[in-house]
Amino acid sequence: MIVNFLYTQVKVKVDRPLGSKHPKYNFVYLVNYGFISNTIVGDGGEIDAYILGEFEPLETYEGKVIAVIKRSDDIEDRLVVSNQPYTTEQIYALIEFQERFFTTQIITKNNIGISNPQPSIKFQH
């Protein structure tokens, strides 16, 4: 289960660096975004991860999983990786650029944080 990654150290391969555009939906990534190699999730791909606290485009990043983004309307959840602490409110503010399209919930080790129950626009997968 993806929640088991909470507070573990991971290495993220960045495939959508800070400032890049989404290949299909054309929004801009406001944080570095990538995946954890050698993992598999519901869509057959690797586990995706947001990287917080880095302000330059990256190729790879090593950090601690500080939260899981649970999407109730998607088969793939995401990790939030950082070497700095963030509140659930701060996390949501930083990832809202993409998560606003989904019904999401932020899960940390000790609680289930804020959620976005009404996505602004639904993507067609």
Foldseek 3Di string as FASTA:
>chain_A
DVLVQAFPKAKWFFPQWQQRADPPPGFGQNFTKGFGPPDAFDVGDGAIETEPDDDGTDRMDIFGFFKKKDFPPDRGIHTYGYNDDDDPVRVCVNPVSPCLQTFIWIDGPPDIDDTNRHRPHHDDD
